[in-house]
Amino acid sequence: MITKNEIDVQIALGTVDTPQQIARLVRNTVDVEALEWAIKYRNTKVRAAAINNAALPIGLLLCACVFETSKTTKEVLERVVSERRGEIECVLNVIKYYPQLSMDWNDAATPKHS
């Protein structure tokens, strides 16, 4: 499995230095940390590779829908969201029927000031 650390090392060593080479690594990883990094990467080819990766969690996919600015990558997003529609509907149904699973647990730990 290709991890985020392995990608960082290969970039640092110069083994991979083009967006196409980085995108190839991203397409072949199942490491969520690497995919999260790639979805925020400055190059659209790398972001598109992360979006096309079936291991990308639904939450990151939906975040990309909100924050992506590139027209090319938005087209990829539309296709992938369409392909993964069943998964997205499943997640939304869980949130609908079990809203306590979607609550912000940090709010419970934060003291309320009066």
C-alpha atoms as a PDB file:
ATOM      1  CA  MET A   1       0.000   0.000   0.000  1.00  0.00           C
ATOM      2  CA  ILE A   2       1.314   3.428  -0.914  1.00  0.00           C
ATOM      3  CA  THR A   3       1.127   5.763   2.073  1.00  0.00           C
ATOM      4  CA  LYS A   4       1.336   9.524   2.409  1.00  0.00           C
ATOM      5  CA  ASN A   5       4.853   9.144   3.857  1.00  0.00           C
ATOM      6  CA  GLU A   6       5.976   7.125   0.833  1.00  0.00           C
ATOM      7  CA  ILE A   7       4.632   9.793  -1.519  1.00  0.00           C
ATOM      8  CA  ASP A   8       6.441  12.501   0.494  1.00  0.00           C
ATOM      9  CA  VAL A   9       9.704  10.539   0.387  1.00  0.00           C
ATOM     10  CA  GLN A  10       9.466   9.928  -3.360  1.00  0.00           C
ATOM     11  CA  ILE A  11       8.786  13.635  -3.974  1.00  0.00           C
ATOM     12  CA  ALA A  12      11.690  14.640  -1.695  1.00  0.00           C
ATOM     13  CA  LEU A  13      14.071  12.230  -3.436  1.00  0.00           C
ATOM     14  CA  GLY A  14      12.969  13.431  -6.849  1.00  0.00           C
ATOM     15  CA  THR A  15      11.779   9.961  -7.856  1.00  0.00           C
ATOM     16  CA  VAL A  16       8.464  11.545  -8.773  1.00  0.00           C
ATOM     17  CA  ASP A  17       8.398  15.187  -9.727  1.00  0.00           C
ATOM     18  CA  THR A  18       5.596  15.713 -12.213  1.00  0.00           C
ATOM     19  CA  PRO A  19       1.896  15.928 -11.410  1.00  0.00           C
ATOM     20  CA  GLN A  20       1.274  12.893 -13.654  1.00  0.00           C
ATOM     21  CA  GLN A  21       3.687  10.781 -11.591  1.00  0.00           C
ATOM     22  CA  ILE A  22       2.169  11.965  -8.312  1.00  0.00           C
ATOM     23  CA  ALA A  23      -1.326  11.284  -9.684  1.00  0.00           C
ATOM     24  CA  ARG A  24      -0.273   7.720 -10.556  1.00  0.00           C
ATOM     25  CA  LEU A  25       0.720   7.143  -6.922  1.00  0.00           C
ATOM     26  CA  VAL A  26      -2.526   8.687  -5.687  1.00  0.00           C
ATOM     27  CA  ARG A  27      -4.603   6.459  -7.984  1.00  0.00           C
ATOM     28  CA  ASN A  28      -2.936   3.389  -6.472  1.00  0.00           C
ATOM     29  CA  THR A  29      -3.268   4.232  -2.787  1.00  0.00           C
ATOM     30  CA  VAL A  30      -5.940   3.324  -0.265  1.00  0.00           C
ATOM     31  CA  ASP A  31      -4.374   5.480   2.447  1.00  0.00           C
ATOM     32  CA  VAL A  32      -6.988   8.022   3.565  1.00  0.00           C
ATOM     33  CA  GLU A  33      -4.292  10.446   4.743  1.00  0.00           C
ATOM     34  CA  ALA A  34      -2.716  10.413   1.273  1.00  0.00           C
ATOM     35  CA  LEU A  35      -6.099  10.931  -0.376  1.00  0.00           C
ATOM     36  CA  GLU A  36      -6.943  13.816   1.956  1.00  0.00           C
ATOM     37  CA  TRP A  37      -3.607  15.427   1.082  1.00  0.00           C
ATOM     38  CA  ALA A  38      -4.137  14.840  -2.641  1.00  0.00           C
ATOM     39  CA  ILE A  39      -7.644  16.310  -2.678  1.00  0.00           C
ATOM     40  CA  LYS A  40      -6.110  19.605  -1.490  1.00  0.00           C
ATOM     41  CA  TYR A  41      -3.051  19.471  -3.772  1.00  0.00           C
ATOM     42  CA  ARG A  42      -2.460  22.489  -6.033  1.00  0.00           C
ATOM     43  CA  ASN A  43      -2.478  20.522  -9.300  1.00  0.00           C
ATOM     44  CA  THR A  44      -5.787  19.445 -10.835  1.00  0.00           C
ATOM     45  CA  LYS A  45      -4.424  16.125 -12.139  1.00  0.00           C
ATOM     46  CA  VAL A  46      -3.522  15.062  -8.605  1.00  0.00           C
ATOM     47  CA  ARG A  47      -6.889  16.203  -7.227  1.00  0.00           C
ATOM     48  CA  ALA A  48      -8.718  14.395 -10.042  1.00  0.00           C
ATOM     49  CA  ALA A  49      -6.767  11.209  -9.294  1.00  0.00           C
ATOM     50  CA  ALA A  50      -7.868  11.401  -5.653  1.00  0.00           C
ATOM     51  CA  ILE A  51     -11.486  12.006  -6.663  1.00  0.00           C
ATOM     52  CA  ASN A  52     -11.381   9.019  -9.043  1.00  0.00           C
ATOM     53  CA  ASN A  53     -10.008   6.755  -6.306  1.00  0.00           C
ATOM     54  CA  ALA A  54     -12.769   4.473  -4.977  1.00  0.00           C
ATOM     55  CA  ALA A  55     -11.113   4.524  -1.534  1.00  0.00           C
ATOM     56  CA  LEU A  56     -11.856   8.254  -1.122  1.00  0.00           C
ATOM     57  CA  PRO A  57     -14.268   8.589   1.813  1.00  0.00           C
ATOM     58  CA  ILE A  58     -17.678  10.048   0.981  1.00  0.00           C
ATOM     59  CA  GLY A  59     -17.099  12.980   3.357  1.00  0.00           C
ATOM     60  CA  LEU A  60     -13.977  14.068   1.478  1.00  0.00           C
ATOM     61  CA  LEU A  61     -15.769  13.632  -1.826  1.00  0.00           C
ATOM     62  CA  LEU A  62     -18.592  15.904  -0.680  1.00  0.00           C
ATOM     63  CA  CYS A  63     -16.108  18.478   0.664  1.00  0.00           C
ATOM     64  CA  ALA A  64     -14.431  18.507  -2.732  1.00  0.00           C
ATOM     65  CA  CYS A  65     -17.838  19.230  -4.300  1.00  0.00           C
ATOM     66  CA  VAL A  66     -18.124  22.353  -2.162  1.00  0.00           C
ATOM     67  CA  PHE A  67     -14.575  23.677  -2.404  1.00  0.00           C
ATOM     68  CA  GLU A  68     -13.317  22.626  -5.854  1.00  0.00           C
ATOM     69  CA  THR A  69     -12.792  25.526  -8.252  1.00  0.00           C
ATOM     70  CA  SER A  70     -11.328  23.886 -11.370  1.00  0.00           C
ATOM     71  CA  LYS A  71     -13.811  23.281 -14.194  1.00  0.00           C
ATOM     72  CA  THR A  72     -12.029  20.081 -15.248  1.00  0.00           C
ATOM     73  CA  THR A  73     -12.007  18.661 -11.742  1.00  0.00           C
ATOM     74  CA  LYS A  74     -15.649  19.648 -11.221  1.00  0.00           C
ATOM     75  CA  GLU A  75     -16.544  17.549 -14.276  1.00  0.00           C
ATOM     76  CA  VAL A  76     -14.727  14.586 -12.728  1.00  0.00           C
ATOM     77  CA  LEU A  77     -16.580  15.233  -9.461  1.00  0.00           C
ATOM     78  CA  GLU A  78     -19.960  15.199 -11.213  1.00  0.00           C
ATOM     79  CA  ARG A  79     -19.203  11.843 -12.806  1.00  0.00           C
ATOM     80  CA  VAL A  80     -17.867  10.264  -9.600  1.00  0.00           C
ATOM     81  CA  VAL A  81     -20.756  11.575  -7.479  1.00  0.00           C
ATOM     82  CA  SER A  82     -23.155  10.111 -10.037  1.00  0.00           C
ATOM     83  CA  GLU A  83     -21.342   6.749  -9.884  1.00  0.00           C
ATOM     84  CA  ARG A  84     -21.287   6.752  -6.055  1.00  0.00           C
ATOM     85  CA  ARG A  85     -24.828   8.048  -5.632  1.00  0.00           C
ATOM     86  CA  GLY A  86     -25.948   4.879  -3.845  1.00  0.00           C
ATOM     87  CA  GLU A  87     -23.215   5.239  -1.221  1.00  0.00           C
ATOM     88  CA  ILE A  88     -24.058   8.908  -0.695  1.00  0.00           C
ATOM     89  CA  GLU A  89     -27.780   8.160  -0.293  1.00  0.00           C
ATOM     90  CA  CYS A  90     -26.912   5.452   2.229  1.00  0.00           C
ATOM     91  CA  VAL A  91     -24.861   7.902   4.319  1.00  0.00           C
ATOM     92  CA  LEU A  92     -27.623  10.520   4.140  1.00  0.00           C
ATOM     93  CA  ASN A  93     -30.208   7.952   5.272  1.00  0.00           C
ATOM     94  CA  VAL A  94     -28.066   7.002   8.253  1.00  0.00           C
ATOM     95  CA  ILE A  95     -27.832  10.680   9.208  1.00  0.00           C
ATOM     96  CA  LYS A  96     -31.582  11.103   8.691  1.00  0.00           C
ATOM     97  CA  TYR A  97     -32.613   8.116  10.809  1.00  0.00           C
ATOM     98  CA  TYR A  98     -29.787   8.319  13.362  1.00  0.00           C
ATOM     99  CA  PRO A  99     -29.040  12.053  13.739  1.00  0.00           C
ATOM    100  CA  GLN A 100     -27.042  11.454  16.909  1.00  0.00           C
ATOM    101  CA  LEU A 101     -24.355   9.836  14.744  1.00  0.00           C
ATOM    102  CA  SER A 102     -23.809  13.095  12.879  1.00  0.00           C
ATOM    103  CA  MET A 103     -23.559  15.413  15.876  1.00  0.00           C
ATOM    104  CA  ASP A 104     -20.398  17.348  16.571  1.00  0.00           C
ATOM    105  CA  TRP A 105     -18.784  15.534  19.486  1.00  0.00           C
ATOM    106  CA  ASN A 106     -16.505  18.514  20.120  1.00  0.00           C
ATOM    107  CA  ASP A 107     -19.531  20.573  21.200  1.00  0.00           C
ATOM    108  CA  ALA A 108     -20.142  18.182  24.098  1.00  0.00           C
ATOM    109  CA  ALA A 109     -16.581  18.661  25.335  1.00  0.00           C
ATOM    110  CA  THR A 110     -16.618  22.441  25.005  1.00  0.00           C
ATOM    111  CA  PRO A 111     -17.786  24.219  28.163  1.00  0.00           C
ATOM    112  CA  LYS A 112     -20.677  26.597  27.642  1.00  0.00           C
ATOM    113  CA  HIS A 113     -20.160  30.170  28.842  1.00  0.00           C
ATOM    114  CA  SER A 114     -23.132  31.990  30.278  1.00  0.00           C
END
